[in-house]
Amino acid sequence: MSNTDLEDDLRGTFERAAASVPESTGLTERATTGAQRAQRRTWIVSGAAAVAVAAIAVVGFGLAGSNSKPSQPPVAGGQAPVSATPTPKPLTAQTVSGTWRPLQIAGFKVLKAARPQDPVLVFHPDGTWSGSDGCNGLQGTYSIGQRGEFTATPGLQHLIGCDNVPHTGVLTSAKRVAMAGDTLKFFGADGRQLASYARAR
């Protein structure tokens, strides 16, 4: 058999086989529709997966934020932060020692009057005090407690009369003493301020 005869025989076989297959209407349309549906399902699945991933990320960030603590600035040398307000030192005979001049005394209005002597108080570190009321020499003893409790006892004094500054009355009436900078303040048993003195030297 020649090649031409063989080709004709094969062509006839294919034609007969094609004729025996029933015609299917809308095959192309169904194939296109199926492909579109498959593509939509792919989009839906992909979108749901993206939403799930975003939700997990949001929950994860929320949990991480709730468990985190506010950061504290590091302190050099591992020391605790220093407070801006220094703790006041307790008063002692050493901290109040020196010469003080009166700034204000409750009920006494003539601090500026001319006197033979300068009216001052002098506290000594050994627990004694001295000074002048403007006319008379003064002296005595005193003590200061850990919380500023104060007691004073007068000693021998002269009694020359003038506009005497009542240092002795302030000291014997005072129950507490406090110092703010270079100002010394005395308070009575009721908390009322009796007098204030400024450091002279």
Protein backbone atom coordinates (compact mmCIF):
# COMPACT_ATOMS: atom_id res chain seq x y z
CA MET A 1 0.00 0.00 0.00
CA SER A 2 1.37 3.41 -0.91
CA ASN A 3 1.66 6.32 1.44
CA THR A 4 -1.22 8.10 -0.26
CA ASP A 5 -3.55 5.14 0.19
CA LEU A 6 -2.54 4.88 3.87
CA GLU A 7 -3.26 8.54 4.48
CA ASP A 8 -6.67 8.26 2.82
CA ASP A 9 -7.53 5.22 4.94
CA LEU A 10 -6.57 7.01 8.20
CA ARG A 11 -8.52 10.14 7.25
CA GLY A 12 -11.62 8.09 6.63
CA THR A 13 -11.28 6.33 9.99
CA PHE A 14 -11.08 9.67 11.85
CA GLU A 15 -14.08 11.07 9.98
CA ARG A 16 -16.20 8.01 10.83
CA ALA A 17 -15.21 8.23 14.51
CA ALA A 18 -16.05 11.94 14.66
CA ALA A 19 -19.43 11.31 13.03
CA SER A 20 -20.28 8.65 15.62
CA VAL A 21 -19.86 11.11 18.61
CA PRO A 22 -23.20 12.86 19.47
CA GLU A 23 -23.17 16.64 19.11
CA SER A 24 -23.06 18.49 22.46
CA THR A 25 -24.60 21.93 22.44
CA GLY A 26 -23.19 24.74 24.63
CA LEU A 27 -19.97 22.86 25.41
CA THR A 28 -17.82 25.94 25.00
CA GLU A 29 -20.23 28.01 27.09
CA ARG A 30 -20.24 25.43 29.92
CA ALA A 31 -16.48 25.23 29.89
CA THR A 32 -16.20 29.02 30.14
CA THR A 33 -18.77 29.18 32.94
CA GLY A 34 -16.98 26.46 34.91
CA ALA A 35 -13.70 28.28 34.59
CA GLN A 36 -15.27 31.53 35.82
CA ARG A 37 -16.84 29.75 38.82
CA ALA A 38 -13.53 28.15 39.72
CA GLN A 39 -11.83 31.54 39.48
CA ARG A 40 -14.50 33.13 41.80
CA ARG A 41 -14.02 30.33 44.34
CA THR A 42 -10.28 30.98 44.24
CA TRP A 43 -10.87 34.70 44.89
CA ILE A 44 -13.28 34.00 47.75
CA VAL A 45 -10.88 31.55 49.42
CA SER A 46 -7.98 33.96 48.95
CA GLY A 47 -9.98 36.88 50.43
CA ALA A 48 -11.08 34.84 53.46
CA ALA A 49 -7.49 33.78 54.07
CA ALA A 50 -6.32 37.40 53.91
CA VAL A 51 -9.00 38.49 56.39
CA ALA A 52 -8.03 35.67 58.79
CA VAL A 53 -4.35 36.61 58.62
CA ALA A 54 -5.17 40.28 59.31
CA ALA A 55 -7.37 39.35 62.30
CA ILE A 56 -4.62 37.15 63.78
CA ALA A 57 -2.09 39.96 63.36
CA VAL A 58 -4.38 42.48 65.11
CA VAL A 59 -5.01 40.12 68.04
CA GLY A 60 -1.32 39.37 68.32
CA PHE A 61 -0.38 43.06 68.43
CA GLY A 62 -3.10 43.72 71.03
CA LEU A 63 -1.83 40.96 73.30
CA ALA A 64 1.75 42.13 72.90
CA GLY A 65 0.73 45.69 73.80
CA SER A 66 -1.25 44.61 76.89
CA ASN A 67 1.66 42.56 78.25
CA SER A 68 4.28 45.19 77.65
CA LYS A 69 5.34 47.52 80.45
CA PRO A 70 6.17 51.21 79.96
CA SER A 71 9.84 51.62 79.43
CA GLN A 72 11.83 53.35 82.14
CA PRO A 73 14.90 55.41 81.27
CA PRO A 74 18.06 53.65 82.37
CA VAL A 75 19.79 55.04 85.41
CA ALA A 76 23.54 55.35 85.23
CA GLY A 77 25.40 53.04 87.56
CA GLY A 78 22.23 51.16 88.53
CA GLN A 79 21.30 53.78 91.10
CA ALA A 80 17.76 54.83 91.93
CA PRO A 81 16.47 58.09 90.40
CA VAL A 82 17.26 61.14 92.48
CA SER A 83 14.26 63.05 93.81
CA ALA A 84 14.03 66.70 92.72
CA THR A 85 13.13 67.76 96.28
CA PRO A 86 16.00 67.18 98.72
CA THR A 87 15.14 65.68 102.08
CA PRO A 88 15.58 68.36 104.78
CA LYS A 89 18.29 67.66 107.30
CA PRO A 90 17.22 67.41 110.94
CA LEU A 91 18.10 70.43 113.05
CA THR A 92 20.84 70.06 115.61
CA ALA A 93 22.86 72.37 117.81
CA GLN A 94 25.48 72.40 115.03
CA THR A 95 23.06 73.43 112.27
CA VAL A 96 21.59 76.36 114.26
CA SER A 97 24.86 77.51 115.78
CA GLY A 98 25.72 81.11 114.92
CA THR A 99 24.35 84.62 115.34
CA TRP A 100 20.73 85.45 114.50
CA ARG A 101 18.93 88.80 114.28
CA PRO A 102 15.16 89.10 114.69
CA LEU A 103 12.97 89.54 111.60
CA GLN A 104 9.55 89.25 113.21
CA ILE A 105 8.25 88.60 116.73
CA ALA A 106 4.52 88.12 117.31
CA GLY A 107 3.03 91.09 119.20
CA PHE A 108 6.27 93.11 119.15
CA LYS A 109 6.28 96.13 116.79
CA VAL A 110 9.49 98.08 117.58
CA LEU A 111 12.28 95.93 116.17
CA LYS A 112 13.74 98.97 114.36
CA ALA A 113 14.09 101.17 117.48
CA ALA A 114 17.50 102.60 118.41
CA ARG A 115 19.15 100.64 121.24
CA PRO A 116 22.53 100.68 122.94
CA GLN A 117 23.30 97.17 121.68
CA ASP A 118 22.47 95.12 118.63
CA PRO A 119 19.58 92.76 119.58
CA VAL A 120 20.80 89.30 118.56
CA LEU A 121 20.67 85.69 119.63
CA VAL A 122 23.72 83.45 119.50
CA PHE A 123 23.35 79.68 119.57
CA HIS A 124 26.44 77.66 120.51
CA PRO A 125 27.06 74.04 119.47
CA ASP A 126 27.44 72.99 123.13
CA GLY A 127 23.72 73.61 123.79
CA THR A 128 24.05 77.10 125.29
CA TRP A 129 22.73 80.38 123.96
CA SER A 130 23.59 84.04 124.59
CA GLY A 131 22.88 87.43 123.10
CA SER A 132 21.37 90.80 123.84
CA ASP A 133 17.86 92.21 123.97
CA GLY A 134 19.27 95.63 122.96
CA CYS A 135 20.07 96.68 126.52
CA ASN A 136 20.87 93.55 128.55
CA GLY A 137 23.13 90.56 128.08
CA LEU A 138 21.27 87.25 127.87
CA GLN A 139 22.24 83.61 128.29
CA GLY A 140 20.82 80.15 128.89
CA THR A 141 20.65 76.58 127.60
CA TYR A 142 18.61 74.90 124.84
CA SER A 143 17.99 71.53 123.22
CA ILE A 144 16.62 70.39 119.87
CA GLY A 145 14.90 67.03 119.31
CA GLN A 146 15.08 64.84 116.22
CA ARG A 147 11.80 66.28 114.90
CA GLY A 148 12.54 69.89 115.74
CA GLU A 149 11.25 69.79 119.31
CA PHE A 150 12.70 72.76 121.14
CA THR A 151 13.18 73.72 124.79
CA ALA A 152 15.16 76.60 126.29
CA THR A 153 15.97 77.76 129.80
CA PRO A 154 17.15 81.30 130.62
CA GLY A 155 20.13 82.00 132.88
CA LEU A 156 21.15 85.09 134.83
CA GLN A 157 20.24 88.37 133.10
CA HIS A 158 20.56 92.10 133.67
CA LEU A 159 17.36 94.14 133.90
CA ILE A 160 18.16 97.47 132.30
CA GLY A 161 14.96 98.81 130.78
CA CYS A 162 14.58 99.98 127.17
CA ASP A 163 12.67 98.73 124.15
CA ASN A 164 13.92 95.26 125.04
CA VAL A 165 13.54 92.67 122.28
CA PRO A 166 11.82 89.71 123.98
CA HIS A 167 14.24 86.96 122.94
CA THR A 168 13.83 85.20 126.29
CA GLY A 169 10.03 85.10 125.94
CA VAL A 170 10.32 83.62 122.44
CA LEU A 171 12.76 80.90 123.50
CA THR A 172 10.89 79.83 126.63
CA SER A 173 7.53 79.73 124.81
CA ALA A 174 8.78 77.88 121.74
CA LYS A 175 8.07 74.14 121.45
CA ARG A 176 9.35 73.58 117.94
CA VAL A 177 11.97 75.12 115.70
CA ALA A 178 12.46 74.91 111.93
CA MET A 179 14.99 76.34 109.51
CA ALA A 180 14.39 77.33 105.89
CA GLY A 181 17.59 78.46 104.24
CA ASP A 182 19.01 81.21 106.44
CA THR A 183 15.76 81.77 108.35
CA LEU A 184 15.10 80.23 111.76
CA LYS A 185 11.45 79.99 112.87
CA PHE A 186 10.04 79.27 116.33
CA PHE A 187 6.54 77.84 116.93
CA GLY A 188 4.37 77.56 120.01
CA ALA A 189 2.55 74.50 121.34
CA ASP A 190 -0.49 75.37 119.18
CA GLY A 191 1.61 75.52 116.00
CA ARG A 192 1.47 79.30 115.77
CA GLN A 193 4.66 80.99 114.60
CA LEU A 194 6.15 83.03 117.44
CA ALA A 195 9.13 84.59 115.71
CA SER A 196 11.56 84.36 112.81
CA TYR A 197 15.28 85.18 112.79
CA ALA A 198 17.77 85.67 109.97
CA ARG A 199 21.32 84.42 110.16
CA ALA A 200 23.66 87.36 110.72
CA ARG A 201 26.96 85.47 110.51
